[in-house]
Amino acid sequence: MTEDQWRGFISEGTRTGKLSTVRADGSPHVAPVWFVLDGDDLIFTTGEDTVKGRNLARDGRVCICVDDERPPFAFVVVRGRAELSTDPDTMLHWATRIAARYMGEEAGEEFGARNAVPGELLVRVRVGKVVALSGLAE
């Protein structure tokens, strides 16, 4: 895929990302995340006390896979480094945008406010490397 194609692919509809983080013992941890793109960055939220939140605070290396499980199949894998923020205004803005993508505009503010509270983290992934393939079964 071209850059425009992979950006469009991961932003289409309500596809979730499968986030891989590094545990303290070096083993991987994978969890689904809701996200949006902001320029060259991928943004999501998570709790500070979740496995992924603790992993990200210790080691910012991440890998996120977004795929289409229907033939002819496609996927995008994004590798990068996460930067964490607890700024309430910034978190509310992005949590609302993320919620609107997955829950619809009407519910975006409600879910955004629910997810932009103390104990939550705003995660901005600085995209480093992208592998993007489509038409795998053609």
N, C-alpha and C. Protein backbone atom coordinates (compact mmCIF):
# COMPACT_ATOMS: atom_id res chain seq x y z
N MET A 1 0.84 -1.19 0.00
CA MET A 1 0.00 0.00 0.00
C MET A 1 0.88 1.24 0.00
N THR A 2 0.38 2.28 -0.62
CA THR A 2 1.04 3.58 -0.53
C THR A 2 0.75 4.18 0.84
N GLU A 3 1.43 5.27 1.16
CA GLU A 3 1.16 5.93 2.45
C GLU A 3 -0.29 6.38 2.55
N ASP A 4 -0.82 6.99 1.50
CA ASP A 4 -2.22 7.42 1.53
C ASP A 4 -3.16 6.23 1.71
N GLN A 5 -2.84 5.11 1.06
CA GLN A 5 -3.69 3.92 1.18
C GLN A 5 -3.68 3.35 2.59
N TRP A 6 -2.50 3.21 3.22
CA TRP A 6 -2.50 2.63 4.57
C TRP A 6 -3.14 3.56 5.58
N ARG A 7 -2.96 4.87 5.39
CA ARG A 7 -3.62 5.83 6.29
C ARG A 7 -5.14 5.73 6.17
N GLY A 8 -5.62 5.64 4.94
CA GLY A 8 -7.05 5.47 4.72
C GLY A 8 -7.56 4.16 5.28
N PHE A 9 -6.79 3.10 5.11
CA PHE A 9 -7.17 1.78 5.59
C PHE A 9 -7.34 1.76 7.09
N ILE A 10 -6.36 2.28 7.84
CA ILE A 10 -6.48 2.18 9.30
C ILE A 10 -7.49 3.17 9.87
N SER A 11 -7.86 4.18 9.08
CA SER A 11 -8.84 5.17 9.54
C SER A 11 -10.26 4.83 9.13
N GLU A 12 -10.42 3.78 8.34
CA GLU A 12 -11.73 3.41 7.83
C GLU A 12 -12.60 2.79 8.91
N GLY A 13 -13.82 3.28 9.04
CA GLY A 13 -14.80 2.66 9.94
C GLY A 13 -14.32 2.58 11.37
N THR A 14 -14.58 1.43 11.97
CA THR A 14 -14.26 1.22 13.39
C THR A 14 -13.25 0.10 13.59
N ARG A 15 -12.31 0.00 12.68
CA ARG A 15 -11.27 -1.02 12.86
C ARG A 15 -10.48 -0.74 14.14
N THR A 16 -10.28 -1.77 14.93
CA THR A 16 -9.48 -1.61 16.14
C THR A 16 -8.03 -1.92 15.84
N GLY A 17 -7.17 -1.39 16.67
CA GLY A 17 -5.76 -1.72 16.59
C GLY A 17 -5.44 -2.79 17.62
N LYS A 18 -4.55 -3.67 17.29
CA LYS A 18 -4.04 -4.65 18.25
C LYS A 18 -2.68 -4.14 18.68
N LEU A 19 -2.61 -3.64 19.91
CA LEU A 19 -1.41 -2.99 20.43
C LEU A 19 -0.53 -4.00 21.13
N SER A 20 0.73 -4.03 20.75
CA SER A 20 1.71 -4.87 21.43
C SER A 20 2.67 -3.97 22.20
N THR A 21 2.82 -4.28 23.49
CA THR A 21 3.77 -3.57 24.35
C THR A 21 4.73 -4.59 24.93
N VAL A 22 5.75 -4.09 25.61
CA VAL A 22 6.80 -4.95 26.17
C VAL A 22 6.62 -5.04 27.68
N ARG A 23 6.43 -6.26 28.19
CA ARG A 23 6.33 -6.47 29.63
C ARG A 23 7.71 -6.31 30.28
N ALA A 24 7.73 -6.19 31.60
CA ALA A 24 8.98 -6.02 32.34
C ALA A 24 9.95 -7.16 32.09
N ASP A 25 9.42 -8.37 31.87
CA ASP A 25 10.32 -9.52 31.63
C ASP A 25 10.72 -9.65 30.16
N GLY A 26 10.29 -8.68 29.33
CA GLY A 26 10.65 -8.70 27.91
C GLY A 26 9.65 -9.40 27.02
N SER A 27 8.67 -10.06 27.60
CA SER A 27 7.67 -10.76 26.79
C SER A 27 6.64 -9.76 26.25
N PRO A 28 5.96 -10.13 25.17
CA PRO A 28 4.98 -9.22 24.58
C PRO A 28 3.64 -9.29 25.31
N HIS A 29 2.90 -8.19 25.23
CA HIS A 29 1.52 -8.13 25.70
C HIS A 29 0.72 -7.49 24.58
N VAL A 30 -0.43 -8.09 24.22
CA VAL A 30 -1.26 -7.56 23.13
C VAL A 30 -2.65 -7.27 23.67
N ALA A 31 -3.18 -6.10 23.28
CA ALA A 31 -4.53 -5.71 23.69
C ALA A 31 -5.14 -4.84 22.58
N PRO A 32 -6.46 -4.93 22.39
CA PRO A 32 -7.11 -4.09 21.39
C PRO A 32 -7.23 -2.65 21.89
N VAL A 33 -7.14 -1.69 20.96
CA VAL A 33 -7.31 -0.28 21.29
C VAL A 33 -8.13 0.43 20.22
N TRP A 34 -8.89 1.42 20.67
CA TRP A 34 -9.52 2.37 19.77
C TRP A 34 -8.52 3.50 19.55
N PHE A 35 -8.44 4.04 18.34
CA PHE A 35 -7.42 5.04 18.04
C PHE A 35 -7.87 5.96 16.92
N VAL A 36 -7.14 7.05 16.75
CA VAL A 36 -7.27 7.94 15.59
C VAL A 36 -5.87 8.36 15.16
N LEU A 37 -5.78 8.80 13.92
CA LEU A 37 -4.54 9.38 13.42
C LEU A 37 -4.56 10.89 13.63
N ASP A 38 -3.39 11.43 13.94
CA ASP A 38 -3.19 12.87 14.01
C ASP A 38 -1.90 13.17 13.27
N GLY A 39 -2.01 13.51 12.01
CA GLY A 39 -0.81 13.73 11.21
C GLY A 39 0.00 12.45 11.12
N ASP A 40 1.24 12.49 11.61
CA ASP A 40 2.12 11.33 11.56
C ASP A 40 2.04 10.49 12.84
N ASP A 41 1.11 10.80 13.72
CA ASP A 41 1.00 10.10 15.00
C ASP A 41 -0.31 9.32 15.09
N LEU A 42 -0.27 8.27 15.87
CA LEU A 42 -1.45 7.46 16.18
C LEU A 42 -1.75 7.70 17.66
N ILE A 43 -3.02 7.98 17.99
CA ILE A 43 -3.38 8.38 19.36
C ILE A 43 -4.45 7.45 19.92
N PHE A 44 -4.26 7.04 21.18
CA PHE A 44 -5.27 6.28 21.92
C PHE A 44 -5.15 6.61 23.40
N THR A 45 -6.10 6.12 24.18
CA THR A 45 -6.06 6.30 25.63
C THR A 45 -6.03 4.95 26.30
N THR A 46 -5.54 4.93 27.53
CA THR A 46 -5.54 3.71 28.34
C THR A 46 -5.39 4.10 29.80
N GLY A 47 -5.72 3.19 30.68
CA GLY A 47 -5.56 3.44 32.10
C GLY A 47 -4.11 3.32 32.54
N GLU A 48 -3.72 4.16 33.48
CA GLU A 48 -2.35 4.11 34.01
C GLU A 48 -2.05 2.76 34.65
N ASP A 49 -3.05 2.15 35.26
CA ASP A 49 -2.82 0.90 36.01
C ASP A 49 -3.11 -0.36 35.21
N THR A 50 -3.38 -0.23 33.90
CA THR A 50 -3.56 -1.41 33.07
C THR A 50 -2.19 -1.99 32.74
N VAL A 51 -2.17 -3.21 32.25
CA VAL A 51 -0.90 -3.81 31.84
C VAL A 51 -0.25 -2.94 30.77
N LYS A 52 -1.02 -2.54 29.76
CA LYS A 52 -0.42 -1.73 28.70
C LYS A 52 0.02 -0.37 29.22
N GLY A 53 -0.74 0.24 30.12
CA GLY A 53 -0.35 1.52 30.69
C GLY A 53 0.96 1.43 31.46
N ARG A 54 1.09 0.42 32.28
CA ARG A 54 2.34 0.21 33.04
C ARG A 54 3.50 -0.10 32.08
N ASN A 55 3.24 -0.94 31.08
CA ASN A 55 4.29 -1.26 30.11
C ASN A 55 4.77 0.00 29.38
N LEU A 56 3.84 0.83 28.94
CA LEU A 56 4.19 2.04 28.19
C LEU A 56 4.96 3.04 29.05
N ALA A 57 4.63 3.13 30.33
CA ALA A 57 5.34 4.04 31.22
C ALA A 57 6.80 3.61 31.40
N ARG A 58 7.03 2.33 31.32
CA ARG A 58 8.38 1.78 31.51
C ARG A 58 9.16 1.71 30.21
N ASP A 59 8.49 1.35 29.10
CA ASP A 59 9.16 1.13 27.81
C ASP A 59 8.19 1.57 26.71
N GLY A 60 8.53 2.64 26.02
CA GLY A 60 7.61 3.22 25.04
C GLY A 60 7.56 2.54 23.69
N ARG A 61 8.29 1.45 23.51
CA ARG A 61 8.25 0.77 22.21
C ARG A 61 6.90 0.07 22.02
N VAL A 62 6.29 0.28 20.84
CA VAL A 62 5.00 -0.33 20.55
C VAL A 62 4.97 -0.83 19.11
N CYS A 63 4.03 -1.74 18.89
CA CYS A 63 3.69 -2.20 17.56
C CYS A 63 2.17 -2.33 17.54
N ILE A 64 1.54 -1.82 16.49
CA ILE A 64 0.09 -1.85 16.37
C ILE A 64 -0.27 -2.46 15.03
N CYS A 65 -1.15 -3.45 15.06
CA CYS A 65 -1.61 -4.11 13.85
C CYS A 65 -3.09 -3.80 13.65
N VAL A 66 -3.45 -3.38 12.46
CA VAL A 66 -4.84 -3.15 12.06
C VAL A 66 -5.06 -4.02 10.84
N ASP A 67 -6.12 -4.84 10.86
CA ASP A 67 -6.29 -5.76 9.74
C ASP A 67 -7.73 -5.83 9.27
N ASP A 68 -7.91 -6.38 8.09
CA ASP A 68 -9.21 -6.70 7.53
C ASP A 68 -9.22 -8.22 7.38
N GLU A 69 -10.08 -8.87 8.13
CA GLU A 69 -10.11 -10.33 8.18
C GLU A 69 -10.96 -10.94 7.07
N ARG A 70 -11.44 -10.10 6.15
CA ARG A 70 -12.27 -10.60 5.05
C ARG A 70 -11.43 -10.70 3.78
N PRO A 71 -11.69 -11.73 2.96
CA PRO A 71 -10.97 -11.82 1.70
C PRO A 71 -11.17 -10.56 0.88
N PRO A 72 -10.15 -10.09 0.22
CA PRO A 72 -8.86 -10.72 -0.04
C PRO A 72 -7.81 -10.45 1.05
N PHE A 73 -8.19 -9.94 2.22
CA PHE A 73 -7.34 -9.74 3.39
C PHE A 73 -6.32 -8.61 3.19
N ALA A 74 -6.09 -7.88 4.27
CA ALA A 74 -5.13 -6.78 4.27
C ALA A 74 -4.73 -6.49 5.70
N PHE A 75 -3.57 -5.87 5.86
CA PHE A 75 -3.15 -5.46 7.19
C PHE A 75 -2.15 -4.32 7.11
N VAL A 76 -2.07 -3.58 8.21
CA VAL A 76 -1.07 -2.53 8.39
C VAL A 76 -0.46 -2.75 9.76
N VAL A 77 0.86 -2.80 9.82
CA VAL A 77 1.58 -2.90 11.09
C VAL A 77 2.40 -1.63 11.24
N VAL A 78 2.20 -0.95 12.37
CA VAL A 78 2.88 0.30 12.66
C VAL A 78 3.78 0.08 13.87
N ARG A 79 5.05 0.42 13.71
CA ARG A 79 5.98 0.38 14.85
C ARG A 79 6.35 1.80 15.21
N GLY A 80 6.51 2.06 16.51
CA GLY A 80 6.90 3.40 16.91
C GLY A 80 7.17 3.49 18.40
N ARG A 81 7.25 4.73 18.86
CA ARG A 81 7.50 5.02 20.27
C ARG A 81 6.34 5.83 20.82
N ALA A 82 5.92 5.47 22.02
CA ALA A 82 4.79 6.13 22.66
C ALA A 82 5.27 7.25 23.58
N GLU A 83 4.53 8.36 23.53
CA GLU A 83 4.71 9.46 24.47
C GLU A 83 3.42 9.56 25.27
N LEU A 84 3.53 9.72 26.58
CA LEU A 84 2.37 9.72 27.46
C LEU A 84 2.07 11.11 27.99
N SER A 85 0.77 11.40 28.14
CA SER A 85 0.35 12.69 28.70
C SER A 85 -0.85 12.46 29.62
N THR A 86 -0.94 13.31 30.63
CA THR A 86 -2.12 13.30 31.51
C THR A 86 -2.80 14.66 31.50
N ASP A 87 -2.44 15.52 30.54
CA ASP A 87 -3.05 16.84 30.45
C ASP A 87 -4.55 16.70 30.21
N PRO A 88 -5.40 17.20 31.13
CA PRO A 88 -6.85 16.95 31.02
C PRO A 88 -7.50 17.53 29.78
N ASP A 89 -7.11 18.73 29.35
CA ASP A 89 -7.74 19.33 28.17
C ASP A 89 -7.37 18.58 26.89
N THR A 90 -6.11 18.23 26.77
CA THR A 90 -5.67 17.47 25.60
C THR A 90 -6.32 16.10 25.59
N MET A 91 -6.39 15.47 26.75
CA MET A 91 -7.00 14.14 26.82
C MET A 91 -8.48 14.20 26.46
N LEU A 92 -9.20 15.21 26.94
CA LEU A 92 -10.62 15.33 26.62
C LEU A 92 -10.83 15.50 25.12
N HIS A 93 -10.02 16.34 24.50
CA HIS A 93 -10.13 16.55 23.05
C HIS A 93 -9.99 15.23 22.29
N TRP A 94 -8.90 14.50 22.59
CA TRP A 94 -8.64 13.27 21.83
C TRP A 94 -9.55 12.13 22.23
N ALA A 95 -9.88 12.01 23.50
CA ALA A 95 -10.80 10.94 23.92
C ALA A 95 -12.17 11.13 23.26
N THR A 96 -12.59 12.38 23.09
CA THR A 96 -13.87 12.66 22.43
C THR A 96 -13.79 12.30 20.95
N ARG A 97 -12.71 12.65 20.29
CA ARG A 97 -12.54 12.29 18.87
C ARG A 97 -12.51 10.78 18.67
N ILE A 98 -11.79 10.09 19.54
CA ILE A 98 -11.71 8.63 19.44
C ILE A 98 -13.09 8.02 19.67
N ALA A 99 -13.78 8.48 20.71
CA ALA A 99 -15.12 7.95 21.02
C ALA A 99 -16.09 8.21 19.89
N ALA A 100 -16.01 9.37 19.26
CA ALA A 100 -16.91 9.68 18.14
C ALA A 100 -16.67 8.72 16.98
N ARG A 101 -15.43 8.34 16.75
CA ARG A 101 -15.14 7.40 15.67
C ARG A 101 -15.81 6.06 15.92
N TYR A 102 -15.73 5.56 17.13
CA TYR A 102 -16.21 4.21 17.43
C TYR A 102 -17.65 4.15 17.92
N MET A 103 -18.13 5.21 18.56
CA MET A 103 -19.48 5.19 19.14
C MET A 103 -20.46 6.11 18.42
N GLY A 104 -19.95 6.92 17.48
CA GLY A 104 -20.79 7.87 16.76
C GLY A 104 -20.69 9.26 17.38
N GLU A 105 -20.95 10.26 16.56
CA GLU A 105 -20.84 11.65 16.99
C GLU A 105 -21.70 11.96 18.21
N GLU A 106 -22.92 11.42 18.25
CA GLU A 106 -23.84 11.73 19.34
C GLU A 106 -23.30 11.27 20.68
N ALA A 107 -22.65 10.13 20.71
CA ALA A 107 -22.14 9.57 21.96
C ALA A 107 -20.68 9.96 22.23
N GLY A 108 -20.05 10.65 21.29
CA GLY A 108 -18.64 10.98 21.41
C GLY A 108 -18.30 11.78 22.65
N GLU A 109 -19.10 12.82 22.93
CA GLU A 109 -18.81 13.65 24.10
C GLU A 109 -18.97 12.88 25.40
N GLU A 110 -20.02 12.07 25.48
CA GLU A 110 -20.25 11.29 26.70
C GLU A 110 -19.09 10.32 26.96
N PHE A 111 -18.73 9.55 25.95
CA PHE A 111 -17.66 8.57 26.12
C PHE A 111 -16.30 9.26 26.27
N GLY A 112 -16.11 10.39 25.57
CA GLY A 112 -14.87 11.14 25.71
C GLY A 112 -14.68 11.63 27.13
N ALA A 113 -15.74 12.18 27.73
CA ALA A 113 -15.66 12.67 29.11
C ALA A 113 -15.42 11.51 30.08
N ARG A 114 -16.01 10.37 29.79
CA ARG A 114 -15.82 9.20 30.65
C ARG A 114 -14.38 8.71 30.62
N ASN A 115 -13.71 8.87 29.47
CA ASN A 115 -12.35 8.35 29.32
C ASN A 115 -11.26 9.39 29.53
N ALA A 116 -11.61 10.63 29.81
CA ALA A 116 -10.63 11.69 30.02
C ALA A 116 -10.65 12.11 31.49
N VAL A 117 -10.27 11.19 32.35
CA VAL A 117 -10.34 11.40 33.79
C VAL A 117 -8.99 11.06 34.43
N PRO A 118 -8.78 11.51 35.68
CA PRO A 118 -7.55 11.11 36.36
C PRO A 118 -7.39 9.59 36.38
N GLY A 119 -6.17 9.16 36.18
CA GLY A 119 -5.89 7.72 36.10
C GLY A 119 -5.81 7.21 34.68
N GLU A 120 -6.18 8.06 33.72
CA GLU A 120 -6.09 7.68 32.31
C GLU A 120 -4.87 8.34 31.69
N LEU A 121 -4.37 7.76 30.63
CA LEU A 121 -3.23 8.28 29.89
C LEU A 121 -3.63 8.55 28.44
N LEU A 122 -3.15 9.64 27.89
CA LEU A 122 -3.23 9.88 26.46
C LEU A 122 -1.91 9.38 25.88
N VAL A 123 -2.01 8.50 24.90
CA VAL A 123 -0.83 7.90 24.30
C VAL A 123 -0.71 8.39 22.86
N ARG A 124 0.42 9.01 22.56
CA ARG A 124 0.72 9.49 21.20
C ARG A 124 1.88 8.65 20.69
N VAL A 125 1.61 7.84 19.67
CA VAL A 125 2.64 6.99 19.09
C VAL A 125 3.26 7.72 17.90
N ARG A 126 4.54 7.97 18.00
CA ARG A 126 5.31 8.55 16.90
C ARG A 126 5.66 7.41 15.94
N VAL A 127 5.01 7.41 14.79
CA VAL A 127 5.16 6.31 13.84
C VAL A 127 6.59 6.27 13.31
N GLY A 128 7.20 5.09 13.40
CA GLY A 128 8.55 4.89 12.90
C GLY A 128 8.58 4.11 11.61
N LYS A 129 8.05 2.90 11.63
CA LYS A 129 8.08 2.02 10.47
C LYS A 129 6.68 1.48 10.22
N VAL A 130 6.31 1.35 8.96
CA VAL A 130 5.00 0.82 8.57
C VAL A 130 5.19 -0.29 7.54
N VAL A 131 4.51 -1.42 7.76
CA VAL A 131 4.41 -2.49 6.78
C VAL A 131 2.92 -2.60 6.46
N ALA A 132 2.56 -2.47 5.20
CA ALA A 132 1.14 -2.44 4.81
C ALA A 132 0.95 -3.24 3.53
N LEU A 133 0.12 -4.27 3.61
CA LEU A 133 -0.14 -5.13 2.46
C LEU A 133 -1.64 -5.35 2.29
N SER A 134 -2.07 -5.41 1.05
CA SER A 134 -3.48 -5.69 0.76
C SER A 134 -3.56 -6.74 -0.34
N GLY A 135 -4.76 -7.29 -0.52
CA GLY A 135 -4.97 -8.29 -1.55
C GLY A 135 -4.16 -9.55 -1.35
N LEU A 136 -4.03 -10.00 -0.12
CA LEU A 136 -3.17 -11.15 0.17
C LEU A 136 -3.67 -12.44 -0.44
N ALA A 137 -4.97 -12.55 -0.69
CA ALA A 137 -5.51 -13.79 -1.24
C ALA A 137 -5.90 -13.65 -2.71
N GLU A 138 -5.41 -12.64 -3.36
CA GLU A 138 -5.75 -12.46 -4.79
C GLU A 138 -4.86 -13.27 -5.67
